[in-house]
């Protein structure tokens, strides 16, 4: 009887091995650095910076930036290529809150997912330079014949003046900015100088540590968030909120994204304003 129990236990353990593999973390992501003056646009492929929820498809499942499983409906990922793809779950310019809510709701918001597209902008497992990956995406993604699976448009510009003009055009249309990816660069995990984000402002994340009460018309509501940067320094974030966000402010301990324009003489963000609550933590920065 004891031998039979051991055999049953062994069989049960072996049967669980495939399930254990489902929790394996996706490969680390390639992360952008800020654009700097003097960059030659001709060395890069350029795309619009999409204001959505980043996703990593590992060939079978969809994960968030931090490695959490995204509960997309089965029909949404049916027919996708069995290769790793980096992309953005996106609805349109200026609609981050909408797509974020759909992703958080998972399969319970079936109708919401009908409006979402997965915009593929890289192939982590390809092994070749980005230029080769662009060409592969242009063939691979359309061959799936899934209308909501699309390759993010990539283009080339030859002069800094053209890049500035394109940035102004995108921002005027409600976009966030541009992404520049060096044509010769291999996919590499972590923060990379070969992938640049170019916006009219800078952004960063900070942790909410306190709520400062409002005054005047904001009495009884949020006046400002006291937030802590990764280096431990704190500052007040008091603008950029809607009345609803002031009535129901981001909870203590949450991670928020803020916009700013350069740094003060003390190294703190200048003209910082609230942008959004992050739906999941950013992956560790290897630097």
C-alpha atoms as a PDB file:
ATOM      1  CA  UNK A   1       0.000   0.000   0.000  1.00  0.00           C
ATOM      2  CA  UNK A   2       2.860   2.367   0.883  1.00  0.00           C
ATOM      3  CA  UNK A   3       4.530   1.683  -2.491  1.00  0.00           C
ATOM      4  CA  UNK A   4       1.286   2.463  -4.300  1.00  0.00           C
ATOM      5  CA  UNK A   5       0.980   5.763  -2.428  1.00  0.00           C
ATOM      6  CA  UNK A   6       4.552   6.696  -3.402  1.00  0.00           C
ATOM      7  CA  UNK A   7       3.809   5.897  -7.055  1.00  0.00           C
ATOM      8  CA  UNK A   8       0.655   8.020  -6.970  1.00  0.00           C
ATOM      9  CA  UNK A   9       2.586  10.900  -5.385  1.00  0.00           C
ATOM     10  CA  UNK A  10       5.314  10.649  -8.037  1.00  0.00           C
ATOM     11  CA  UNK A  11       2.728  10.599 -10.823  1.00  0.00           C
ATOM     12  CA  UNK A  12       1.036  13.665  -9.341  1.00  0.00           C
ATOM     13  CA  UNK A  13       4.348  15.565  -9.124  1.00  0.00           C
ATOM     14  CA  UNK A  14       5.242  14.742 -12.721  1.00  0.00           C
ATOM     15  CA  UNK A  15       1.826  15.842 -13.916  1.00  0.00           C
ATOM     16  CA  UNK A  16       2.358  19.235 -12.281  1.00  0.00           C
ATOM     17  CA  UNK A  17       5.624  19.980 -14.099  1.00  0.00           C
ATOM     18  CA  UNK A  18       3.975  21.539 -17.174  1.00  0.00           C
ATOM     19  CA  UNK A  19       1.834  23.721 -14.909  1.00  0.00           C
ATOM     20  CA  UNK A  20       4.903  24.971 -13.058  1.00  0.00           C
ATOM     21  CA  UNK A  21       6.417  26.123 -16.315  1.00  0.00           C
ATOM     22  CA  UNK A  22       3.441  28.434 -16.825  1.00  0.00           C
ATOM     23  CA  UNK A  23       4.714  30.703 -14.071  1.00  0.00           C
ATOM     24  CA  UNK A  24       8.143  31.179 -15.662  1.00  0.00           C
ATOM     25  CA  UNK A  25       9.040  34.878 -15.916  1.00  0.00           C
ATOM     26  CA  UNK A  26       9.201  36.360 -19.413  1.00  0.00           C
ATOM     27  CA  UNK A  27      12.592  37.522 -20.733  1.00  0.00           C
ATOM     28  CA  UNK A  28      13.702  40.923 -19.362  1.00  0.00           C
ATOM     29  CA  UNK A  29      12.649  43.959 -21.359  1.00  0.00           C
ATOM     30  CA  UNK A  30      14.743  46.439 -23.304  1.00  0.00           C
ATOM     31  CA  UNK A  31      14.190  49.882 -21.752  1.00  0.00           C
ATOM     32  CA  UNK A  32      14.672  53.315 -23.294  1.00  0.00           C
ATOM     33  CA  UNK A  33      16.851  56.215 -22.205  1.00  0.00           C
ATOM     34  CA  UNK A  34      16.178  59.915 -22.806  1.00  0.00           C
ATOM     35  CA  UNK A  35      16.981  61.477 -26.174  1.00  0.00           C
ATOM     36  CA  UNK A  36      19.967  63.846 -26.156  1.00  0.00           C
ATOM     37  CA  UNK A  37      20.852  66.756 -28.408  1.00  0.00           C
ATOM     38  CA  UNK A  38      23.325  65.875 -31.142  1.00  0.00           C
ATOM     39  CA  UNK A  39      21.844  62.471 -31.977  1.00  0.00           C
ATOM     40  CA  UNK A  40      21.933  61.714 -35.712  1.00  0.00           C
ATOM     41  CA  UNK A  41      18.408  60.577 -36.721  1.00  0.00           C
ATOM     42  CA  UNK A  42      19.728  58.798 -39.801  1.00  0.00           C
ATOM     43  CA  UNK A  43      21.200  56.047 -37.597  1.00  0.00           C
ATOM     44  CA  UNK A  44      17.778  55.098 -36.195  1.00  0.00           C
ATOM     45  CA  UNK A  45      14.412  53.626 -37.067  1.00  0.00           C
ATOM     46  CA  UNK A  46      11.719  55.888 -35.632  1.00  0.00           C
ATOM     47  CA  UNK A  47       8.175  55.199 -34.433  1.00  0.00           C
ATOM     48  CA  UNK A  48       5.542  57.049 -32.454  1.00  0.00           C
ATOM     49  CA  UNK A  49       5.671  56.529 -28.691  1.00  0.00           C
ATOM     50  CA  UNK A  50       2.298  54.903 -28.015  1.00  0.00           C
ATOM     51  CA  UNK A  51       0.481  55.796 -24.808  1.00  0.00           C
ATOM     52  CA  UNK A  52      -0.755  52.345 -23.835  1.00  0.00           C
ATOM     53  CA  UNK A  53       0.047  49.341 -21.664  1.00  0.00           C
ATOM     54  CA  UNK A  54       3.240  47.538 -22.581  1.00  0.00           C
ATOM     55  CA  UNK A  55       2.900  43.817 -23.181  1.00  0.00           C
ATOM     56  CA  UNK A  56       5.287  40.931 -23.780  1.00  0.00           C
ATOM     57  CA  UNK A  57       4.050  37.959 -25.779  1.00  0.00           C
ATOM     58  CA  UNK A  58       6.233  34.889 -25.164  1.00  0.00           C
ATOM     59  CA  UNK A  59       4.713  32.835 -27.975  1.00  0.00           C
ATOM     60  CA  UNK A  60       1.882  31.484 -25.808  1.00  0.00           C
ATOM     61  CA  UNK A  61       0.952  34.026 -23.134  1.00  0.00           C
ATOM     62  CA  UNK A  62       0.781  37.778 -22.656  1.00  0.00           C
ATOM     63  CA  UNK A  63       2.584  39.457 -19.759  1.00  0.00           C
ATOM     64  CA  UNK A  64       2.731  42.986 -18.366  1.00  0.00           C
ATOM     65  CA  UNK A  65       5.916  45.015 -18.068  1.00  0.00           C
ATOM     66  CA  UNK A  66       6.566  43.607 -14.594  1.00  0.00           C
ATOM     67  CA  UNK A  67       5.948  39.998 -15.642  1.00  0.00           C
ATOM     68  CA  UNK A  68       2.363  39.645 -14.415  1.00  0.00           C
ATOM     69  CA  UNK A  69       0.061  37.562 -16.607  1.00  0.00           C
ATOM     70  CA  UNK A  70      -2.408  39.664 -18.614  1.00  0.00           C
ATOM     71  CA  UNK A  71      -5.794  37.942 -18.686  1.00  0.00           C
ATOM     72  CA  UNK A  72      -6.703  38.693 -22.304  1.00  0.00           C
ATOM     73  CA  UNK A  73      -9.658  36.781 -23.821  1.00  0.00           C
ATOM     74  CA  UNK A  74      -8.694  33.609 -25.673  1.00  0.00           C
ATOM     75  CA  UNK A  75     -10.006  34.994 -28.978  1.00  0.00           C
ATOM     76  CA  UNK A  76      -7.781  38.063 -28.619  1.00  0.00           C
ATOM     77  CA  UNK A  77      -4.521  36.064 -28.703  1.00  0.00           C
ATOM     78  CA  UNK A  78      -5.740  33.245 -30.983  1.00  0.00           C
ATOM     79  CA  UNK A  79      -3.601  32.892 -34.093  1.00  0.00           C
ATOM     80  CA  UNK A  80      -0.722  35.032 -32.875  1.00  0.00           C
ATOM     81  CA  UNK A  81       2.762  33.944 -34.040  1.00  0.00           C
ATOM     82  CA  UNK A  82       4.529  31.483 -31.750  1.00  0.00           C
ATOM     83  CA  UNK A  83       7.484  33.826 -31.276  1.00  0.00           C
ATOM     84  CA  UNK A  84       8.297  36.440 -28.623  1.00  0.00           C
ATOM     85  CA  UNK A  85       6.951  39.910 -29.396  1.00  0.00           C
ATOM     86  CA  UNK A  86       7.220  43.221 -27.551  1.00  0.00           C
ATOM     87  CA  UNK A  87       4.321  45.582 -28.071  1.00  0.00           C
ATOM     88  CA  UNK A  88       1.801  48.035 -26.703  1.00  0.00           C
ATOM     89  CA  UNK A  89      -1.835  47.340 -25.861  1.00  0.00           C
ATOM     90  CA  UNK A  90      -3.281  50.499 -27.370  1.00  0.00           C
ATOM     91  CA  UNK A  91      -6.600  52.074 -28.305  1.00  0.00           C
ATOM     92  CA  UNK A  92      -5.586  55.516 -29.511  1.00  0.00           C
ATOM     93  CA  UNK A  93      -3.862  58.759 -28.592  1.00  0.00           C
ATOM     94  CA  UNK A  94      -4.821  60.134 -25.207  1.00  0.00           C
ATOM     95  CA  UNK A  95      -6.746  57.023 -24.164  1.00  0.00           C
ATOM     96  CA  UNK A  96      -4.343  55.449 -21.683  1.00  0.00           C
ATOM     97  CA  UNK A  97      -6.863  55.431 -18.816  1.00  0.00           C
ATOM     98  CA  UNK A  98      -9.348  53.556 -20.984  1.00  0.00           C
ATOM     99  CA  UNK A  99      -6.963  50.811 -22.113  1.00  0.00           C
ATOM    100  CA  UNK A 100      -5.471  50.566 -18.614  1.00  0.00           C
ATOM    101  CA  UNK A 101      -8.924  49.924 -17.167  1.00  0.00           C
ATOM    102  CA  UNK A 102      -9.650  47.246 -19.770  1.00  0.00           C
ATOM    103  CA  UNK A 103      -6.374  45.443 -19.027  1.00  0.00           C
ATOM    104  CA  UNK A 104      -7.004  45.586 -15.269  1.00  0.00           C
ATOM    105  CA  UNK A 105     -10.509  44.171 -15.742  1.00  0.00           C
ATOM    106  CA  UNK A 106      -9.147  41.204 -17.696  1.00  0.00           C
ATOM    107  CA  UNK A 107     -11.632  38.897 -19.361  1.00  0.00           C
ATOM    108  CA  UNK A 108     -14.573  40.454 -17.494  1.00  0.00           C
ATOM    109  CA  UNK A 109     -14.583  43.376 -19.971  1.00  0.00           C
ATOM    110  CA  UNK A 110     -15.118  41.412 -23.178  1.00  0.00           C
ATOM    111  CA  UNK A 111     -16.507  44.375 -25.120  1.00  0.00           C
ATOM    112  CA  UNK A 112     -13.592  46.571 -24.068  1.00  0.00           C
ATOM    113  CA  UNK A 113     -11.037  44.210 -25.586  1.00  0.00           C
ATOM    114  CA  UNK A 114     -12.786  44.624 -28.958  1.00  0.00           C
ATOM    115  CA  UNK A 115     -11.312  48.142 -29.081  1.00  0.00           C
ATOM    116  CA  UNK A 116      -7.745  47.145 -28.169  1.00  0.00           C
ATOM    117  CA  UNK A 117      -4.885  46.581 -30.594  1.00  0.00           C
ATOM    118  CA  UNK A 118      -1.515  45.009 -29.839  1.00  0.00           C
ATOM    119  CA  UNK A 119       1.047  47.152 -31.631  1.00  0.00           C
ATOM    120  CA  UNK A 120       4.219  45.086 -32.100  1.00  0.00           C
ATOM    121  CA  UNK A 121       7.449  47.094 -32.020  1.00  0.00           C
ATOM    122  CA  UNK A 122      10.161  44.451 -31.472  1.00  0.00           C
ATOM    123  CA  UNK A 123      11.044  40.759 -31.657  1.00  0.00           C
ATOM    124  CA  UNK A 124      13.224  39.959 -28.599  1.00  0.00           C
ATOM    125  CA  UNK A 125      14.215  36.466 -29.737  1.00  0.00           C
ATOM    126  CA  UNK A 126      15.139  37.303 -33.328  1.00  0.00           C
ATOM    127  CA  UNK A 127      18.906  37.627 -32.760  1.00  0.00           C
ATOM    128  CA  UNK A 128      19.563  40.091 -35.575  1.00  0.00           C
ATOM    129  CA  UNK A 129      19.979  43.892 -35.609  1.00  0.00           C
ATOM    130  CA  UNK A 130      16.892  46.042 -35.272  1.00  0.00           C
ATOM    131  CA  UNK A 131      16.770  46.760 -38.998  1.00  0.00           C
ATOM    132  CA  UNK A 132      16.409  43.011 -39.659  1.00  0.00           C
ATOM    133  CA  UNK A 133      13.785  42.780 -36.928  1.00  0.00           C
ATOM    134  CA  UNK A 134      11.765  45.571 -38.563  1.00  0.00           C
ATOM    135  CA  UNK A 135      11.726  43.692 -41.855  1.00  0.00           C
ATOM    136  CA  UNK A 136      10.741  40.478 -40.083  1.00  0.00           C
ATOM    137  CA  UNK A 137       7.877  42.200 -38.213  1.00  0.00           C
ATOM    138  CA  UNK A 138       6.547  43.588 -41.493  1.00  0.00           C
ATOM    139  CA  UNK A 139       6.184  40.050 -42.801  1.00  0.00           C
ATOM    140  CA  UNK A 140       5.392  38.100 -39.636  1.00  0.00           C
ATOM    141  CA  UNK A 141       2.598  40.217 -38.148  1.00  0.00           C
ATOM    142  CA  UNK A 142       0.383  40.589 -41.261  1.00  0.00           C
ATOM    143  CA  UNK A 143       0.754  36.867 -41.993  1.00  0.00           C
ATOM    144  CA  UNK A 144      -1.179  36.114 -38.775  1.00  0.00           C
ATOM    145  CA  UNK A 145      -4.266  37.740 -40.360  1.00  0.00           C
ATOM    146  CA  UNK A 146      -5.455  39.104 -37.000  1.00  0.00           C
ATOM    147  CA  UNK A 147      -6.786  42.641 -37.476  1.00  0.00           C
ATOM    148  CA  UNK A 148      -5.995  43.796 -33.917  1.00  0.00           C
ATOM    149  CA  UNK A 149      -2.417  42.491 -34.124  1.00  0.00           C
ATOM    150  CA  UNK A 150      -0.414  45.146 -35.962  1.00  0.00           C
ATOM    151  CA  UNK A 151       3.208  46.130 -36.492  1.00  0.00           C
ATOM    152  CA  UNK A 152       3.899  49.631 -35.196  1.00  0.00           C
ATOM    153  CA  UNK A 153       4.892  51.811 -38.190  1.00  0.00           C
ATOM    154  CA  UNK A 154       8.668  52.327 -38.334  1.00  0.00           C
ATOM    155  CA  UNK A 155      10.245  54.992 -40.549  1.00  0.00           C
ATOM    156  CA  UNK A 156      13.561  56.740 -41.224  1.00  0.00           C
ATOM    157  CA  UNK A 157      14.457  60.453 -41.158  1.00  0.00           C
ATOM    158  CA  UNK A 158      17.685  61.958 -42.364  1.00  0.00           C
ATOM    159  CA  UNK A 159      18.002  65.284 -40.544  1.00  0.00           C
ATOM    160  CA  UNK A 160      17.485  66.745 -37.072  1.00  0.00           C
ATOM    161  CA  UNK A 161      15.097  69.334 -38.523  1.00  0.00           C
ATOM    162  CA  UNK A 162      12.891  66.531 -39.866  1.00  0.00           C
ATOM    163  CA  UNK A 163      12.888  64.857 -36.458  1.00  0.00           C
ATOM    164  CA  UNK A 164      11.835  68.102 -34.731  1.00  0.00           C
ATOM    165  CA  UNK A 165       9.078  68.626 -37.286  1.00  0.00           C
ATOM    166  CA  UNK A 166       7.794  65.066 -36.798  1.00  0.00           C
ATOM    167  CA  UNK A 167       7.797  65.466 -33.014  1.00  0.00           C
ATOM    168  CA  UNK A 168       5.740  68.675 -33.256  1.00  0.00           C
ATOM    169  CA  UNK A 169       3.326  66.948 -35.632  1.00  0.00           C
ATOM    170  CA  UNK A 170       2.787  63.979 -33.302  1.00  0.00           C
ATOM    171  CA  UNK A 171       2.298  66.157 -30.214  1.00  0.00           C
ATOM    172  CA  UNK A 172      -0.124  68.464 -32.058  1.00  0.00           C
ATOM    173  CA  UNK A 173      -2.188  65.385 -32.950  1.00  0.00           C
ATOM    174  CA  UNK A 174      -2.358  64.309 -29.283  1.00  0.00           C
ATOM    175  CA  UNK A 175       0.569  61.870 -29.252  1.00  0.00           C
ATOM    176  CA  UNK A 176       3.273  61.525 -26.588  1.00  0.00           C
ATOM    177  CA  UNK A 177       6.456  61.645 -28.632  1.00  0.00           C
ATOM    178  CA  UNK A 178       8.837  59.460 -30.618  1.00  0.00           C
ATOM    179  CA  UNK A 179      10.946  56.352 -30.099  1.00  0.00           C
ATOM    180  CA  UNK A 180      14.333  56.025 -31.815  1.00  0.00           C
ATOM    181  CA  UNK A 181      15.898  52.562 -32.160  1.00  0.00           C
ATOM    182  CA  UNK A 182      19.432  52.242 -33.543  1.00  0.00           C
ATOM    183  CA  UNK A 183      19.260  50.253 -36.762  1.00  0.00           C
ATOM    184  CA  UNK A 184      22.351  48.166 -35.959  1.00  0.00           C
ATOM    185  CA  UNK A 185      21.439  47.387 -32.338  1.00  0.00           C
ATOM    186  CA  UNK A 186      20.801  43.882 -31.042  1.00  0.00           C
ATOM    187  CA  UNK A 187      18.024  43.310 -28.517  1.00  0.00           C
ATOM    188  CA  UNK A 188      19.494  43.709 -25.046  1.00  0.00           C
ATOM    189  CA  UNK A 189      17.730  43.547 -21.703  1.00  0.00           C
ATOM    190  CA  UNK A 190      17.798  46.561 -19.421  1.00  0.00           C
ATOM    191  CA  UNK A 191      18.324  50.264 -19.974  1.00  0.00           C
ATOM    192  CA  UNK A 192      19.918  50.847 -23.386  1.00  0.00           C
ATOM    193  CA  UNK A 193      21.483  53.824 -25.154  1.00  0.00           C
ATOM    194  CA  UNK A 194      20.360  52.223 -28.432  1.00  0.00           C
ATOM    195  CA  UNK A 195      16.687  52.870 -27.632  1.00  0.00           C
ATOM    196  CA  UNK A 196      15.711  56.504 -27.038  1.00  0.00           C
ATOM    197  CA  UNK A 197      12.455  58.229 -26.119  1.00  0.00           C
ATOM    198  CA  UNK A 198      12.009  61.769 -27.405  1.00  0.00           C
ATOM    199  CA  UNK A 199       9.243  63.891 -25.908  1.00  0.00           C
ATOM    200  CA  UNK A 200       8.523  67.546 -25.268  1.00  0.00           C
ATOM    201  CA  UNK A 201       8.805  66.771 -21.566  1.00  0.00           C
ATOM    202  CA  UNK A 202      10.471  64.212 -19.319  1.00  0.00           C
ATOM    203  CA  UNK A 203       8.713  61.717 -17.082  1.00  0.00           C
ATOM    204  CA  UNK A 204       9.598  59.517 -14.126  1.00  0.00           C
ATOM    205  CA  UNK A 205       8.001  57.450 -11.362  1.00  0.00           C
ATOM    206  CA  UNK A 206       7.749  58.099  -7.633  1.00  0.00           C
ATOM    207  CA  UNK A 207       6.060  56.438  -4.645  1.00  0.00           C
ATOM    208  CA  UNK A 208       3.218  58.161  -2.780  1.00  0.00           C
ATOM    209  CA  UNK A 209       4.168  58.581   0.901  1.00  0.00           C
ATOM    210  CA  UNK A 210       1.600  61.154   2.119  1.00  0.00           C
ATOM    211  CA  UNK A 211      -1.474  63.203   1.146  1.00  0.00           C
ATOM    212  CA  UNK A 212      -1.328  66.962   1.780  1.00  0.00           C
ATOM    213  CA  UNK A 213      -4.829  68.409   2.358  1.00  0.00           C
ATOM    214  CA  UNK A 214      -6.262  70.935  -0.073  1.00  0.00           C
ATOM    215  CA  UNK A 215      -7.309  74.511   0.641  1.00  0.00           C
ATOM    216  CA  UNK A 216      -9.944  76.840  -0.763  1.00  0.00           C
ATOM    217  CA  UNK A 217     -12.063  75.070  -3.362  1.00  0.00           C
ATOM    218  CA  UNK A 218     -10.091  71.881  -2.652  1.00  0.00           C
ATOM    219  CA  UNK A 219     -10.867  71.847   1.082  1.00  0.00           C
ATOM    220  CA  UNK A 220     -11.614  68.259   2.084  1.00  0.00           C
ATOM    221  CA  UNK A 221      -9.830  66.986  -1.005  1.00  0.00           C
ATOM    222  CA  UNK A 222      -6.259  66.358  -2.056  1.00  0.00           C
ATOM    223  CA  UNK A 223      -3.992  69.389  -2.193  1.00  0.00           C
ATOM    224  CA  UNK A 224      -0.797  67.588  -3.198  1.00  0.00           C
ATOM    225  CA  UNK A 225       0.894  64.224  -3.083  1.00  0.00           C
ATOM    226  CA  UNK A 226       4.114  63.869  -1.163  1.00  0.00           C
ATOM    227  CA  UNK A 227       6.150  61.449  -3.245  1.00  0.00           C
ATOM    228  CA  UNK A 228       9.514  59.727  -2.829  1.00  0.00           C
ATOM    229  CA  UNK A 229      11.935  59.322  -5.719  1.00  0.00           C
ATOM    230  CA  UNK A 230      14.091  56.175  -6.086  1.00  0.00           C
ATOM    231  CA  UNK A 231      17.053  57.983  -4.472  1.00  0.00           C
ATOM    232  CA  UNK A 232      14.974  58.631  -1.326  1.00  0.00           C
ATOM    233  CA  UNK A 233      14.361  62.350  -1.776  1.00  0.00           C
ATOM    234  CA  UNK A 234      10.800  63.644  -1.480  1.00  0.00           C
ATOM    235  CA  UNK A 235       8.834  66.472  -3.075  1.00  0.00           C
ATOM    236  CA  UNK A 236       5.241  67.656  -3.400  1.00  0.00           C
ATOM    237  CA  UNK A 237       3.278  66.893  -6.548  1.00  0.00           C
ATOM    238  CA  UNK A 238       0.374  69.319  -6.604  1.00  0.00           C
ATOM    239  CA  UNK A 239      -0.794  69.843 -10.184  1.00  0.00           C
ATOM    240  CA  UNK A 240      -2.176  67.764 -13.026  1.00  0.00           C
ATOM    241  CA  UNK A 241      -5.068  66.220 -11.050  1.00  0.00           C
ATOM    242  CA  UNK A 242      -8.712  66.165 -12.048  1.00  0.00           C
ATOM    243  CA  UNK A 243     -11.336  66.940  -9.399  1.00  0.00           C
ATOM    244  CA  UNK A 244     -12.200  63.242  -9.267  1.00  0.00           C
ATOM    245  CA  UNK A 245      -8.555  62.343  -8.624  1.00  0.00           C
ATOM    246  CA  UNK A 246      -8.393  64.954  -5.862  1.00  0.00           C
ATOM    247  CA  UNK A 247     -11.511  63.420  -4.288  1.00  0.00           C
ATOM    248  CA  UNK A 248     -10.081  59.902  -4.642  1.00  0.00           C
ATOM    249  CA  UNK A 249      -6.287  60.332  -4.657  1.00  0.00           C
ATOM    250  CA  UNK A 250      -3.745  57.604  -5.397  1.00  0.00           C
ATOM    251  CA  UNK A 251      -3.337  55.465  -2.248  1.00  0.00           C
ATOM    252  CA  UNK A 252      -0.240  55.540  -0.069  1.00  0.00           C
ATOM    253  CA  UNK A 253       2.410  53.200  -1.423  1.00  0.00           C
ATOM    254  CA  UNK A 254       1.209  53.420  -5.021  1.00  0.00           C
ATOM    255  CA  UNK A 255       3.573  54.264  -7.853  1.00  0.00           C
ATOM    256  CA  UNK A 256       2.694  57.320  -9.929  1.00  0.00           C
ATOM    257  CA  UNK A 257       4.112  58.736 -13.140  1.00  0.00           C
ATOM    258  CA  UNK A 258       4.734  62.488 -13.310  1.00  0.00           C
ATOM    259  CA  UNK A 259       5.874  64.849 -16.048  1.00  0.00           C
ATOM    260  CA  UNK A 260       8.508  67.527 -15.542  1.00  0.00           C
ATOM    261  CA  UNK A 261      10.716  69.952 -17.444  1.00  0.00           C
ATOM    262  CA  UNK A 262      14.310  69.612 -16.332  1.00  0.00           C
ATOM    263  CA  UNK A 263      15.703  69.832 -12.805  1.00  0.00           C
ATOM    264  CA  UNK A 264      16.075  72.598 -10.240  1.00  0.00           C
ATOM    265  CA  UNK A 265      19.444  73.626  -8.789  1.00  0.00           C
ATOM    266  CA  UNK A 266      18.761  71.074  -6.025  1.00  0.00           C
ATOM    267  CA  UNK A 267      18.215  68.288  -8.551  1.00  0.00           C
ATOM    268  CA  UNK A 268      14.450  68.038  -8.027  1.00  0.00           C
ATOM    269  CA  UNK A 269      11.933  67.877 -10.916  1.00  0.00           C
ATOM    270  CA  UNK A 270      10.974  71.313 -12.250  1.00  0.00           C
ATOM    271  CA  UNK A 271       7.264  72.022 -12.972  1.00  0.00           C
ATOM    272  CA  UNK A 272       6.298  68.483 -11.955  1.00  0.00           C
ATOM    273  CA  UNK A 273       2.686  67.491 -12.639  1.00  0.00           C
ATOM    274  CA  UNK A 274       0.791  64.272 -12.086  1.00  0.00           C
ATOM    275  CA  UNK A 275       0.199  62.072 -15.125  1.00  0.00           C
ATOM    276  CA  UNK A 276      -1.188  58.708 -13.983  1.00  0.00           C
ATOM    277  CA  UNK A 277      -1.046  55.813 -11.531  1.00  0.00           C
ATOM    278  CA  UNK A 278       1.111  52.957 -12.777  1.00  0.00           C
ATOM    279  CA  UNK A 279      -0.922  49.760 -13.038  1.00  0.00           C
ATOM    280  CA  UNK A 280       2.070  47.613 -12.092  1.00  0.00           C
ATOM    281  CA  UNK A 281       5.612  48.215 -10.850  1.00  0.00           C
ATOM    282  CA  UNK A 282       8.405  48.924 -13.304  1.00  0.00           C
ATOM    283  CA  UNK A 283      11.038  46.196 -13.609  1.00  0.00           C
ATOM    284  CA  UNK A 284      14.302  46.766 -11.713  1.00  0.00           C
ATOM    285  CA  UNK A 285      16.757  49.064 -13.470  1.00  0.00           C
ATOM    286  CA  UNK A 286      20.014  47.099 -13.830  1.00  0.00           C
ATOM    287  CA  UNK A 287      22.168  50.217 -13.659  1.00  0.00           C
END
